[in-house]
Protein backbone atom coordinates (compact mmCIF):
# COMPACT_ATOMS: atom_id res chain seq x y z
CA UNK A 1 5.99 -23.44 -18.94
CA UNK A 2 2.58 -24.47 -20.27
CA UNK A 3 1.73 -27.91 -21.44
CA UNK A 4 0.54 -31.20 -20.12
CA UNK A 5 1.55 -31.78 -16.52
CA UNK A 6 0.76 -34.37 -13.83
CA UNK A 7 -1.59 -33.06 -11.13
CA UNK A 8 -2.24 -35.04 -7.94
CA UNK A 9 -4.03 -38.29 -8.70
CA UNK A 10 -4.91 -37.20 -12.23
CA UNK A 11 -2.62 -38.62 -14.85
CA UNK A 12 -2.10 -35.46 -16.89
CA UNK A 13 -3.97 -32.18 -17.42
CA UNK A 14 -3.67 -29.65 -20.21
CA UNK A 15 -2.82 -26.27 -18.63
CA UNK A 16 -4.11 -24.39 -21.69
CA UNK A 17 -7.56 -25.92 -21.17
CA UNK A 18 -7.46 -25.13 -17.45
CA UNK A 19 -6.52 -21.51 -18.25
CA UNK A 20 -9.38 -21.29 -20.75
CA UNK A 21 -11.92 -22.57 -18.23
CA UNK A 22 -10.72 -20.22 -15.49
CA UNK A 23 -10.86 -17.25 -17.88
CA UNK A 24 -14.41 -18.29 -18.83
CA UNK A 25 -15.39 -18.60 -15.15
CA UNK A 26 -13.96 -15.17 -14.34
CA UNK A 27 -16.82 -13.79 -16.46
CA UNK A 28 -19.31 -14.99 -13.82
CA UNK A 29 -18.05 -12.47 -11.29
CA UNK A 30 -17.16 -9.52 -13.52
CA UNK A 31 -18.15 -6.07 -12.35
CA UNK A 32 -17.21 -2.50 -13.22
CA UNK A 33 -15.11 -0.65 -10.65
CA UNK A 34 -13.49 2.71 -11.31
CA UNK A 35 -13.79 2.23 -15.06
CA UNK A 36 -12.20 -1.24 -15.03
CA UNK A 37 -13.82 -4.60 -15.57
CA UNK A 38 -12.82 -6.70 -12.58
CA UNK A 39 -13.52 -10.27 -11.43
CA UNK A 40 -13.14 -12.05 -8.11
CA UNK A 41 -9.83 -13.85 -8.05
CA UNK A 42 -10.75 -16.97 -6.08
CA UNK A 43 -8.91 -19.29 -8.47
CA UNK A 44 -5.60 -21.13 -8.40
CA UNK A 45 -2.69 -18.67 -8.16
CA UNK A 46 -0.63 -20.50 -10.78
CA UNK A 47 -3.48 -20.17 -13.29
CA UNK A 48 -3.90 -16.46 -12.49
CA UNK A 49 -0.16 -15.97 -12.97
CA UNK A 50 -0.35 -17.64 -16.40
CA UNK A 51 -3.35 -15.50 -17.39
CA UNK A 52 -1.36 -12.43 -16.36
CA UNK A 53 1.62 -13.60 -18.44
CA UNK A 54 -0.74 -14.06 -21.40
CA UNK A 55 -2.01 -10.49 -21.02
CA UNK A 56 -5.56 -11.50 -20.06
CA UNK A 57 -5.52 -9.93 -16.57
CA UNK A 58 -3.46 -7.36 -14.74
CA UNK A 59 -1.08 -8.52 -12.00
CA UNK A 60 -3.14 -10.54 -9.50
CA UNK A 61 -0.59 -10.01 -6.70
CA UNK A 62 -2.34 -7.43 -4.54
CA UNK A 63 -4.48 -7.19 -1.43
CA UNK A 64 -7.56 -6.63 -3.61
CA UNK A 65 -10.02 -9.50 -3.75
CA UNK A 66 -10.57 -8.93 -7.44
CA UNK A 67 -8.36 -8.66 -10.50
CA UNK A 68 -8.71 -6.33 -13.50
CA UNK A 69 -9.19 -7.87 -16.91
CA UNK A 70 -7.43 -6.34 -19.89
CA UNK A 71 -9.57 -5.41 -22.90
CA UNK A 72 -8.47 -8.63 -24.62
CA UNK A 73 -9.05 -10.62 -21.42
CA UNK A 74 -12.58 -9.24 -21.05
CA UNK A 75 -13.38 -10.05 -24.67
CA UNK A 76 -11.98 -13.60 -24.42
CA UNK A 77 -13.62 -14.19 -21.03
CA UNK A 78 -17.06 -13.36 -22.40
CA UNK A 79 -16.45 -15.34 -25.60
CA UNK A 80 -15.29 -18.42 -23.70
CA UNK A 81 -18.14 -18.21 -21.19
CA UNK A 82 -20.66 -18.09 -24.00
CA UNK A 83 -18.97 -20.96 -25.85
CA UNK A 84 -18.86 -23.27 -22.84
CA UNK A 85 -21.88 -22.31 -20.74
CA UNK A 86 -24.53 -20.45 -22.82
CA UNK A 87 -27.39 -22.81 -23.77
CA UNK A 88 -28.08 -20.73 -26.89
CA UNK A 89 -24.54 -21.47 -28.12
CA UNK A 90 -24.98 -25.26 -27.83
C-alpha cells in the first residue's frame, strides 16, 4: 500500500515521492545489455518492489546486479531525471 508512512526518526514520508526519486536515480546507471535498458539496483528493496508493481521495472528478484526497465519505466526515468537534476530544465 502506497501513501504516507512513518520511517525511522522521520515523521512521515510520501512513498510516491520516494519512488519517483529512485526511478529518476536509476537513470544515472542505465546501460544497454542484450537489447534491454538496465540499471544497477542498489536501492531499497521495498521501493524496487513498488516500481515493479507499477510496471516501471521487471522483477528485481534475481542474482543480477541490475534490473531491466520497461519501455515506460525507461521513458519516465529519463523524464524524471531531467526534471529533477538537469540544470537546463531549472
